[in-house]
Amino acid sequence: MVSMAEELGLDMAIRTLEHLLQYGEQNIRRSVPLALALLCISNPNINVMDTLSRLSHDTDSEVASAAIISLGLIGAGTNNARI
């Protein structure tokens, strides 16, 4: 939550979460989409949107569901047609 306000901290947090997606266990992968959404809530970031749209087609249904909900959270209150 501290890194939401500063650009460099936000980039580093997103990078850390992407590493958790690659190397983390299944339980960790299930929570990463929601963590990404909390970092960019109502502030769509293109890299985050691409990651979440890729995760929305994941083979694990819980990861896909969390990614779809997360896309809704980052697009809430915006007029972003890409989401």
Protein backbone atom coordinates (compact mmCIF):
# COMPACT_ATOMS: atom_id res chain seq x y z
CA MET A 1 0.00 0.00 0.00
CA VAL A 2 2.94 2.32 0.58
CA SER A 3 4.14 1.86 -2.99
CA MET A 4 0.82 2.94 -4.51
CA ALA A 5 1.72 6.63 -4.24
CA GLU A 6 5.18 6.60 -5.78
CA GLU A 7 6.03 5.50 -9.31
CA LEU A 8 9.30 3.70 -8.57
CA GLY A 9 7.85 1.76 -5.64
CA LEU A 10 4.86 0.76 -7.75
CA ASP A 11 7.11 -0.54 -10.53
CA MET A 12 9.20 -2.52 -8.06
CA ALA A 13 6.12 -4.03 -6.39
CA ILE A 14 4.69 -5.05 -9.78
CA ARG A 15 8.01 -6.61 -10.72
CA THR A 16 8.11 -8.56 -7.45
CA LEU A 17 4.58 -9.84 -8.02
CA GLU A 18 5.48 -10.93 -11.55
CA HIS A 19 8.39 -12.93 -10.12
CA LEU A 20 5.97 -14.56 -7.69
CA LEU A 21 3.79 -15.54 -10.65
CA GLN A 22 6.72 -17.23 -12.34
CA TYR A 23 8.34 -18.95 -9.38
CA GLY A 24 5.67 -19.12 -6.68
CA GLU A 25 3.52 -22.01 -5.60
CA GLN A 26 -0.09 -22.38 -6.70
CA ASN A 27 -1.53 -20.74 -3.58
CA ILE A 28 0.65 -17.70 -4.14
CA ARG A 29 -0.33 -17.51 -7.83
CA ARG A 30 -3.97 -17.35 -6.78
CA SER A 31 -3.44 -14.22 -4.71
CA VAL A 32 -1.21 -12.26 -7.10
CA PRO A 33 -4.01 -10.93 -9.37
CA LEU A 34 -5.81 -9.40 -6.40
CA ALA A 35 -2.56 -7.87 -5.12
CA LEU A 36 -1.99 -6.32 -8.55
CA ALA A 37 -5.51 -4.92 -8.51
CA LEU A 38 -5.00 -3.34 -5.10
CA LEU A 39 -1.83 -1.64 -6.30
CA CYS A 40 -3.53 -0.11 -9.35
CA ILE A 41 -7.12 0.25 -8.19
CA SER A 42 -9.03 2.72 -10.41
CA ASN A 43 -5.74 3.54 -12.13
CA PRO A 44 -5.25 1.23 -15.14
CA ASN A 45 -1.62 0.48 -15.87
CA ILE A 46 -0.96 -1.07 -19.29
CA ASN A 47 1.53 -3.64 -17.97
CA VAL A 48 -0.86 -4.71 -15.23
CA MET A 49 -3.78 -4.93 -17.67
CA ASP A 50 -1.72 -7.14 -19.99
CA THR A 51 -0.68 -9.40 -17.12
CA LEU A 52 -4.24 -9.71 -15.82
CA SER A 53 -5.68 -10.37 -19.27
CA ARG A 54 -3.08 -13.13 -19.73
CA LEU A 55 -3.98 -14.57 -16.32
CA SER A 56 -7.69 -14.49 -17.13
CA HIS A 57 -7.02 -17.39 -19.54
CA ASP A 58 -5.03 -19.44 -17.02
CA THR A 59 -5.72 -23.15 -16.64
CA ASP A 60 -6.40 -22.78 -12.91
CA SER A 61 -9.96 -21.52 -12.56
CA GLU A 62 -9.27 -19.66 -9.30
CA VAL A 63 -6.42 -17.68 -10.88
CA ALA A 64 -8.61 -16.87 -13.88
CA SER A 65 -11.51 -15.76 -11.66
CA ALA A 66 -9.25 -13.57 -9.54
CA ALA A 67 -7.80 -11.99 -12.69
CA ILE A 68 -11.25 -11.18 -14.06
CA ILE A 69 -12.32 -9.59 -10.77
CA SER A 70 -9.03 -7.69 -10.68
CA LEU A 71 -9.61 -6.30 -14.17
CA GLY A 72 -12.92 -4.97 -12.92
CA LEU A 73 -11.25 -3.37 -9.92
CA ILE A 74 -8.60 -1.54 -11.89
CA GLY A 75 -11.16 -0.31 -14.39
CA ALA A 76 -13.68 0.87 -11.81
CA GLY A 77 -14.59 4.48 -12.33
CA THR A 78 -12.55 4.87 -15.51
CA ASN A 79 -13.58 5.01 -19.12
CA ASN A 80 -11.02 2.50 -20.30
CA ALA A 81 -12.27 0.62 -23.36
CA ARG A 82 -9.33 -1.77 -23.40
CA ILE A 83 -10.50 -3.54 -20.26
